[in-house]
């Protein structure tokens, strides 16, 4: 049985190596051997193998007999993995990943909002309102306001009643931490309360078309902001 300490070390290496791979530290280089990695990071072979195994599961690495471990092309990375997406957004700034993420949200969140209006899960809708009220209450606190904004959007996924949308919570939560910060920084202010309230009111009134349109308006504004940064 692996010790908790060993698992903790493996996860620490997972983060360190994952960030290094995704941010391009190994670009144009041969990926180090297991022995070199162990020496560099002061880790045992067992811990290193566990970290490499987890990175392979995320599509970042592959190991072949007699060929060693190599970094996989970006096309093979699991971009829906929250860790991979977070590391991608930590690379030297490029609006490409933020734009692509906004496009993905545009394909998902308006539909989730429309479904929430149709499903009318009162408890789940109350959580959306909690998110909005928290946004209002924390308007002067950037960090708390950001979390309230994220809670609002994630609550809509839950209220949709679609379990596949809800399974996107870790992905949406992690990515929003960075993408909302970016759009707030570009616009010079936090999210529009009125725009978010329009989504909530439409959902509460059971107006699926209005909920979808209001959600699309928020995301299209975000996409426009992101596209202004080159």
C-alpha atoms as a PDB file:
ATOM      1  CA  UNK A   1       0.000   0.000   0.000  1.00  0.00           C
ATOM      2  CA  UNK A   2       1.312   3.428  -0.921  1.00  0.00           C
ATOM      3  CA  UNK A   3       1.838   5.839   1.937  1.00  0.00           C
ATOM      4  CA  UNK A   4      -0.050   9.128   2.066  1.00  0.00           C
ATOM      5  CA  UNK A   5       3.312  10.875   2.020  1.00  0.00           C
ATOM      6  CA  UNK A   6       4.235   9.118  -1.216  1.00  0.00           C
ATOM      7  CA  UNK A   7       0.925  10.068  -2.822  1.00  0.00           C
ATOM      8  CA  UNK A   8       1.407  13.683  -1.705  1.00  0.00           C
ATOM      9  CA  UNK A   9       4.890  13.770  -3.232  1.00  0.00           C
ATOM     10  CA  UNK A  10       3.557  12.292  -6.476  1.00  0.00           C
ATOM     11  CA  UNK A  11       0.865  14.968  -6.705  1.00  0.00           C
ATOM     12  CA  UNK A  12       3.463  17.649  -6.018  1.00  0.00           C
ATOM     13  CA  UNK A  13       5.545  16.324  -8.899  1.00  0.00           C
ATOM     14  CA  UNK A  14       2.434  16.050 -11.060  1.00  0.00           C
ATOM     15  CA  UNK A  15       1.851  19.779 -10.656  1.00  0.00           C
ATOM     16  CA  UNK A  16       5.499  20.773 -11.097  1.00  0.00           C
ATOM     17  CA  UNK A  17       6.120  18.591 -14.154  1.00  0.00           C
ATOM     18  CA  UNK A  18       2.709  19.305 -15.645  1.00  0.00           C
ATOM     19  CA  UNK A  19       3.250  23.051 -15.450  1.00  0.00           C
ATOM     20  CA  UNK A  20       6.749  22.680 -16.923  1.00  0.00           C
ATOM     21  CA  UNK A  21       5.490  20.612 -19.854  1.00  0.00           C
ATOM     22  CA  UNK A  22       2.474  22.747 -20.684  1.00  0.00           C
ATOM     23  CA  UNK A  23       4.239  26.104 -20.294  1.00  0.00           C
ATOM     24  CA  UNK A  24       6.913  24.950 -22.745  1.00  0.00           C
ATOM     25  CA  UNK A  25       9.935  24.434 -20.495  1.00  0.00           C
ATOM     26  CA  UNK A  26      10.850  21.268 -22.380  1.00  0.00           C
ATOM     27  CA  UNK A  27      10.069  22.574 -25.873  1.00  0.00           C
ATOM     28  CA  UNK A  28      12.816  21.600 -28.300  1.00  0.00           C
ATOM     29  CA  UNK A  29      14.461  19.356 -25.706  1.00  0.00           C
ATOM     30  CA  UNK A  30      14.550  15.650 -25.087  1.00  0.00           C
ATOM     31  CA  UNK A  31      12.431  14.815 -22.060  1.00  0.00           C
ATOM     32  CA  UNK A  32      14.693  13.760 -19.155  1.00  0.00           C
ATOM     33  CA  UNK A  33      15.136  10.109 -18.264  1.00  0.00           C
ATOM     34  CA  UNK A  34      13.615   8.713 -15.092  1.00  0.00           C
ATOM     35  CA  UNK A  35      17.012   8.783 -13.391  1.00  0.00           C
ATOM     36  CA  UNK A  36      17.578  12.407 -14.408  1.00  0.00           C
ATOM     37  CA  UNK A  37      14.132  13.409 -13.156  1.00  0.00           C
ATOM     38  CA  UNK A  38      14.677  11.640  -9.837  1.00  0.00           C
ATOM     39  CA  UNK A  39      18.008  13.367  -9.354  1.00  0.00           C
ATOM     40  CA  UNK A  40      16.708  16.801 -10.363  1.00  0.00           C
ATOM     41  CA  UNK A  41      13.596  16.687  -8.177  1.00  0.00           C
ATOM     42  CA  UNK A  42      15.051  14.592  -5.364  1.00  0.00           C
ATOM     43  CA  UNK A  43      12.329  11.972  -5.721  1.00  0.00           C
ATOM     44  CA  UNK A  44      12.347   8.198  -5.518  1.00  0.00           C
ATOM     45  CA  UNK A  45      11.712   6.106  -8.616  1.00  0.00           C
ATOM     46  CA  UNK A  46       8.409   4.927  -7.158  1.00  0.00           C
ATOM     47  CA  UNK A  47       7.134   8.468  -6.651  1.00  0.00           C
ATOM     48  CA  UNK A  48       8.417   9.606 -10.038  1.00  0.00           C
ATOM     49  CA  UNK A  49       6.764   6.688 -11.808  1.00  0.00           C
ATOM     50  CA  UNK A  50       3.454   7.534 -10.138  1.00  0.00           C
ATOM     51  CA  UNK A  51       3.706  11.162 -11.267  1.00  0.00           C
ATOM     52  CA  UNK A  52       4.573  10.126 -14.828  1.00  0.00           C
ATOM     53  CA  UNK A  53       1.660   7.689 -14.793  1.00  0.00           C
ATOM     54  CA  UNK A  54      -0.749  10.478 -13.821  1.00  0.00           C
ATOM     55  CA  UNK A  55       0.677  12.800 -16.490  1.00  0.00           C
ATOM     56  CA  UNK A  56       0.283  10.031 -19.049  1.00  0.00           C
ATOM     57  CA  UNK A  57      -3.374   9.667 -18.035  1.00  0.00           C
ATOM     58  CA  UNK A  58      -3.800  13.374 -18.837  1.00  0.00           C
ATOM     59  CA  UNK A  59      -2.324  12.793 -22.296  1.00  0.00           C
ATOM     60  CA  UNK A  60       0.843  14.818 -21.656  1.00  0.00           C
ATOM     61  CA  UNK A  61       3.347  11.967 -21.659  1.00  0.00           C
ATOM     62  CA  UNK A  62       3.739   8.524 -23.164  1.00  0.00           C
ATOM     63  CA  UNK A  63       6.229   5.810 -22.264  1.00  0.00           C
ATOM     64  CA  UNK A  64       7.450   3.167 -24.659  1.00  0.00           C
ATOM     65  CA  UNK A  65       9.859   0.339 -24.048  1.00  0.00           C
ATOM     66  CA  UNK A  66      13.376   1.190 -25.216  1.00  0.00           C
ATOM     67  CA  UNK A  67      12.176   4.669 -26.261  1.00  0.00           C
ATOM     68  CA  UNK A  68      11.729   6.177 -22.825  1.00  0.00           C
ATOM     69  CA  UNK A  69       9.210   8.857 -21.945  1.00  0.00           C
ATOM     70  CA  UNK A  70       8.274  11.594 -24.374  1.00  0.00           C
ATOM     71  CA  UNK A  71       5.966  14.587 -24.420  1.00  0.00           C
ATOM     72  CA  UNK A  72       2.845  14.065 -26.491  1.00  0.00           C
ATOM     73  CA  UNK A  73       1.666  16.630 -29.079  1.00  0.00           C
ATOM     74  CA  UNK A  74      -0.878  19.168 -27.805  1.00  0.00           C
ATOM     75  CA  UNK A  75      -3.574  17.461 -29.893  1.00  0.00           C
ATOM     76  CA  UNK A  76      -3.277  14.443 -27.588  1.00  0.00           C
ATOM     77  CA  UNK A  77      -3.588  16.382 -24.328  1.00  0.00           C
ATOM     78  CA  UNK A  78      -6.803  16.029 -22.374  1.00  0.00           C
ATOM     79  CA  UNK A  79      -7.927  19.648 -22.615  1.00  0.00           C
ATOM     80  CA  UNK A  80     -11.044  18.902 -20.560  1.00  0.00           C
ATOM     81  CA  UNK A  81      -8.872  17.978 -17.602  1.00  0.00           C
ATOM     82  CA  UNK A  82      -9.031  20.894 -15.116  1.00  0.00           C
ATOM     83  CA  UNK A  83      -5.298  20.662 -14.322  1.00  0.00           C
ATOM     84  CA  UNK A  84      -4.290  20.734 -17.988  1.00  0.00           C
ATOM     85  CA  UNK A  85      -6.558  23.676 -18.721  1.00  0.00           C
ATOM     86  CA  UNK A  86      -5.241  25.613 -15.714  1.00  0.00           C
ATOM     87  CA  UNK A  87      -1.654  24.983 -16.780  1.00  0.00           C
ATOM     88  CA  UNK A  88      -2.476  26.088 -20.327  1.00  0.00           C
ATOM     89  CA  UNK A  89      -3.805  29.376 -19.017  1.00  0.00           C
ATOM     90  CA  UNK A  90      -0.611  29.884 -17.025  1.00  0.00           C
ATOM     91  CA  UNK A  91       1.503  29.927 -20.184  1.00  0.00           C
ATOM     92  CA  UNK A  92       2.946  33.227 -21.443  1.00  0.00           C
ATOM     93  CA  UNK A  93      -0.134  35.224 -22.393  1.00  0.00           C
ATOM     94  CA  UNK A  94      -1.944  34.341 -25.561  1.00  0.00           C
ATOM     95  CA  UNK A  95      -5.584  35.170 -25.988  1.00  0.00           C
ATOM     96  CA  UNK A  96      -6.010  32.031 -28.109  1.00  0.00           C
ATOM     97  CA  UNK A  97      -6.735  29.678 -25.204  1.00  0.00           C
ATOM     98  CA  UNK A  98      -9.019  32.241 -23.532  1.00  0.00           C
ATOM     99  CA  UNK A  99     -10.876  32.797 -26.809  1.00  0.00           C
ATOM    100  CA  UNK A 100     -11.298  29.073 -27.363  1.00  0.00           C
ATOM    101  CA  UNK A 101     -12.545  28.593 -23.822  1.00  0.00           C
ATOM    102  CA  UNK A 102     -15.063  31.427 -24.242  1.00  0.00           C
ATOM    103  CA  UNK A 103     -16.261  29.759 -27.452  1.00  0.00           C
ATOM    104  CA  UNK A 104     -16.755  26.496 -25.569  1.00  0.00           C
ATOM    105  CA  UNK A 105     -18.737  28.268 -22.840  1.00  0.00           C
ATOM    106  CA  UNK A 106     -20.851  29.922 -25.518  1.00  0.00           C
ATOM    107  CA  UNK A 107     -21.748  26.478 -26.840  1.00  0.00           C
ATOM    108  CA  UNK A 108     -22.715  25.158 -23.388  1.00  0.00           C
ATOM    109  CA  UNK A 109     -23.905  27.771 -20.906  1.00  0.00           C
ATOM    110  CA  UNK A 110     -26.775  29.343 -22.881  1.00  0.00           C
ATOM    111  CA  UNK A 111     -28.238  25.877 -23.416  1.00  0.00           C
ATOM    112  CA  UNK A 112     -27.808  25.127 -19.713  1.00  0.00           C
ATOM    113  CA  UNK A 113     -29.614  28.378 -18.868  1.00  0.00           C
ATOM    114  CA  UNK A 114     -32.489  27.504 -21.208  1.00  0.00           C
ATOM    115  CA  UNK A 115     -32.768  24.039 -19.660  1.00  0.00           C
ATOM    116  CA  UNK A 116     -32.743  25.552 -16.167  1.00  0.00           C
ATOM    117  CA  UNK A 117     -35.711  27.701 -17.169  1.00  0.00           C
ATOM    118  CA  UNK A 118     -37.553  24.621 -18.423  1.00  0.00           C
ATOM    119  CA  UNK A 119     -36.655  22.243 -15.576  1.00  0.00           C
ATOM    120  CA  UNK A 120     -37.589  24.715 -12.818  1.00  0.00           C
ATOM    121  CA  UNK A 121     -35.625  23.045 -10.020  1.00  0.00           C
ATOM    122  CA  UNK A 122     -36.445  25.587  -7.313  1.00  0.00           C
ATOM    123  CA  UNK A 123     -33.607  24.578  -5.004  1.00  0.00           C
ATOM    124  CA  UNK A 124     -31.045  24.784  -7.814  1.00  0.00           C
ATOM    125  CA  UNK A 125     -32.432  28.124  -9.005  1.00  0.00           C
ATOM    126  CA  UNK A 126     -32.151  29.430  -5.451  1.00  0.00           C
ATOM    127  CA  UNK A 127     -28.426  28.670  -5.647  1.00  0.00           C
ATOM    128  CA  UNK A 128     -28.171  30.814  -8.777  1.00  0.00           C
ATOM    129  CA  UNK A 129     -29.852  33.651  -6.873  1.00  0.00           C
ATOM    130  CA  UNK A 130     -27.436  33.077  -3.984  1.00  0.00           C
ATOM    131  CA  UNK A 131     -24.606  33.568  -6.464  1.00  0.00           C
ATOM    132  CA  UNK A 132     -26.095  36.811  -7.763  1.00  0.00           C
ATOM    133  CA  UNK A 133     -26.726  38.168  -4.259  1.00  0.00           C
ATOM    134  CA  UNK A 134     -23.148  37.301  -3.324  1.00  0.00           C
ATOM    135  CA  UNK A 135     -21.937  39.196  -6.409  1.00  0.00           C
ATOM    136  CA  UNK A 136     -23.888  42.248  -5.232  1.00  0.00           C
ATOM    137  CA  UNK A 137     -22.696  41.925  -1.625  1.00  0.00           C
ATOM    138  CA  UNK A 138     -19.033  41.543  -2.624  1.00  0.00           C
ATOM    139  CA  UNK A 139     -18.920  44.178  -5.366  1.00  0.00           C
ATOM    140  CA  UNK A 140     -16.062  45.950  -3.562  1.00  0.00           C
ATOM    141  CA  UNK A 141     -14.051  42.803  -2.946  1.00  0.00           C
ATOM    142  CA  UNK A 142     -12.350  41.577  -6.106  1.00  0.00           C
ATOM    143  CA  UNK A 143     -11.478  38.089  -4.859  1.00  0.00           C
ATOM    144  CA  UNK A 144     -14.835  37.376  -3.199  1.00  0.00           C
ATOM    145  CA  UNK A 145     -16.660  38.918  -6.159  1.00  0.00           C
ATOM    146  CA  UNK A 146     -14.804  36.635  -8.540  1.00  0.00           C
ATOM    147  CA  UNK A 147     -15.814  33.551  -6.554  1.00  0.00           C
ATOM    148  CA  UNK A 148     -19.432  34.723  -6.427  1.00  0.00           C
ATOM    149  CA  UNK A 149     -19.390  35.185 -10.211  1.00  0.00           C
ATOM    150  CA  UNK A 150     -18.040  31.661 -10.647  1.00  0.00           C
ATOM    151  CA  UNK A 151     -20.636  30.260  -8.234  1.00  0.00           C
ATOM    152  CA  UNK A 152     -23.368  31.917 -10.299  1.00  0.00           C
ATOM    153  CA  UNK A 153     -22.262  30.295 -13.548  1.00  0.00           C
ATOM    154  CA  UNK A 154     -21.622  26.894 -12.000  1.00  0.00           C
ATOM    155  CA  UNK A 155     -25.065  26.942 -10.348  1.00  0.00           C
ATOM    156  CA  UNK A 156     -26.661  27.289 -13.788  1.00  0.00           C
ATOM    157  CA  UNK A 157     -24.983  24.051 -14.878  1.00  0.00           C
ATOM    158  CA  UNK A 158     -26.534  22.333 -11.848  1.00  0.00           C
ATOM    159  CA  UNK A 159     -29.951  23.875 -12.460  1.00  0.00           C
ATOM    160  CA  UNK A 160     -29.974  22.573 -16.035  1.00  0.00           C
ATOM    161  CA  UNK A 161     -30.730  19.113 -14.660  1.00  0.00           C
ATOM    162  CA  UNK A 162     -28.280  17.659 -17.186  1.00  0.00           C
ATOM    163  CA  UNK A 163     -25.696  15.515 -15.355  1.00  0.00           C
ATOM    164  CA  UNK A 164     -23.205  15.875 -18.206  1.00  0.00           C
ATOM    165  CA  UNK A 165     -23.223  19.664 -17.814  1.00  0.00           C
ATOM    166  CA  UNK A 166     -22.799  19.297 -14.052  1.00  0.00           C
ATOM    167  CA  UNK A 167     -19.770  17.069 -14.569  1.00  0.00           C
ATOM    168  CA  UNK A 168     -18.127  20.070 -16.237  1.00  0.00           C
ATOM    169  CA  UNK A 169     -18.089  21.890 -12.880  1.00  0.00           C
ATOM    170  CA  UNK A 170     -14.357  21.330 -12.124  1.00  0.00           C
ATOM    171  CA  UNK A 171     -13.416  22.437 -15.644  1.00  0.00           C
ATOM    172  CA  UNK A 172     -15.625  25.526 -15.602  1.00  0.00           C
ATOM    173  CA  UNK A 173     -14.669  26.439 -12.038  1.00  0.00           C
ATOM    174  CA  UNK A 174     -10.908  26.319 -12.623  1.00  0.00           C
ATOM    175  CA  UNK A 175     -10.973  28.035 -15.987  1.00  0.00           C
ATOM    176  CA  UNK A 176     -13.296  30.804 -14.841  1.00  0.00           C
ATOM    177  CA  UNK A 177     -10.798  31.687 -12.112  1.00  0.00           C
ATOM    178  CA  UNK A 178      -8.488  32.944 -14.848  1.00  0.00           C
ATOM    179  CA  UNK A 179     -10.808  33.948 -17.683  1.00  0.00           C
ATOM    180  CA  UNK A 180     -13.067  36.164 -15.545  1.00  0.00           C
ATOM    181  CA  UNK A 181      -9.993  37.794 -13.998  1.00  0.00           C
ATOM    182  CA  UNK A 182      -8.786  38.554 -17.525  1.00  0.00           C
ATOM    183  CA  UNK A 183     -12.060  40.053 -18.755  1.00  0.00           C
ATOM    184  CA  UNK A 184     -12.438  42.100 -15.564  1.00  0.00           C
ATOM    185  CA  UNK A 185      -8.909  43.416 -16.026  1.00  0.00           C
ATOM    186  CA  UNK A 186      -9.557  44.346 -19.662  1.00  0.00           C
ATOM    187  CA  UNK A 187     -12.895  46.020 -18.963  1.00  0.00           C
ATOM    188  CA  UNK A 188     -11.677  47.760 -15.817  1.00  0.00           C
ATOM    189  CA  UNK A 189     -14.624  46.601 -13.759  1.00  0.00           C
ATOM    190  CA  UNK A 190     -16.233  43.454 -12.415  1.00  0.00           C
ATOM    191  CA  UNK A 191     -19.071  41.580 -14.102  1.00  0.00           C
ATOM    192  CA  UNK A 192     -22.320  43.368 -14.920  1.00  0.00           C
ATOM    193  CA  UNK A 193     -24.853  42.640 -12.190  1.00  0.00           C
ATOM    194  CA  UNK A 194     -27.714  43.663 -14.476  1.00  0.00           C
ATOM    195  CA  UNK A 195     -26.611  41.241 -17.202  1.00  0.00           C
ATOM    196  CA  UNK A 196     -26.397  38.367 -14.740  1.00  0.00           C
ATOM    197  CA  UNK A 197     -29.708  39.294 -13.150  1.00  0.00           C
ATOM    198  CA  UNK A 198     -31.345  39.135 -16.595  1.00  0.00           C
ATOM    199  CA  UNK A 199     -30.281  35.489 -16.880  1.00  0.00           C
ATOM    200  CA  UNK A 200     -31.603  34.658 -13.423  1.00  0.00           C
ATOM    201  CA  UNK A 201     -34.951  36.427 -13.872  1.00  0.00           C
ATOM    202  CA  UNK A 202     -35.544  34.655 -17.184  1.00  0.00           C
ATOM    203  CA  UNK A 203     -34.770  31.309 -15.537  1.00  0.00           C
ATOM    204  CA  UNK A 204     -37.059  32.066 -12.596  1.00  0.00           C
ATOM    205  CA  UNK A 205     -39.868  33.038 -14.984  1.00  0.00           C
ATOM    206  CA  UNK A 206     -39.410  29.855 -17.000  1.00  0.00           C
ATOM    207  CA  UNK A 207     -38.536  31.783 -20.163  1.00  0.00           C
ATOM    208  CA  UNK A 208     -36.024  29.495 -21.868  1.00  0.00           C
ATOM    209  CA  UNK A 209     -35.484  31.730 -24.915  1.00  0.00           C
ATOM    210  CA  UNK A 210     -34.821  34.825 -22.800  1.00  0.00           C
ATOM    211  CA  UNK A 211     -32.488  32.875 -20.493  1.00  0.00           C
ATOM    212  CA  UNK A 212     -30.509  31.598 -23.465  1.00  0.00           C
ATOM    213  CA  UNK A 213     -30.254  35.052 -25.043  1.00  0.00           C
ATOM    214  CA  UNK A 214     -29.227  36.716 -21.777  1.00  0.00           C
ATOM    215  CA  UNK A 215     -26.533  34.093 -21.196  1.00  0.00           C
ATOM    216  CA  UNK A 216     -25.290  34.471 -24.765  1.00  0.00           C
ATOM    217  CA  UNK A 217     -25.067  38.250 -24.304  1.00  0.00           C
ATOM    218  CA  UNK A 218     -22.722  37.876 -21.321  1.00  0.00           C
ATOM    219  CA  UNK A 219     -20.483  35.417 -23.124  1.00  0.00           C
ATOM    220  CA  UNK A 220     -20.375  37.349 -26.386  1.00  0.00           C
ATOM    221  CA  UNK A 221     -19.316  40.451 -24.445  1.00  0.00           C
ATOM    222  CA  UNK A 222     -16.550  38.404 -22.800  1.00  0.00           C
ATOM    223  CA  UNK A 223     -15.438  37.070 -26.181  1.00  0.00           C
ATOM    224  CA  UNK A 224     -15.287  40.580 -27.623  1.00  0.00           C
ATOM    225  CA  UNK A 225     -13.145  41.754 -24.703  1.00  0.00           C
ATOM    226  CA  UNK A 226     -10.742  38.831 -25.104  1.00  0.00           C
ATOM    227  CA  UNK A 227     -10.398  39.496 -28.832  1.00  0.00           C
ATOM    228  CA  UNK A 228      -9.255  43.065 -28.130  1.00  0.00           C
ATOM    229  CA  UNK A 229      -6.050  41.707 -26.562  1.00  0.00           C
ATOM    230  CA  UNK A 230      -3.434  40.561 -29.051  1.00  0.00           C
END
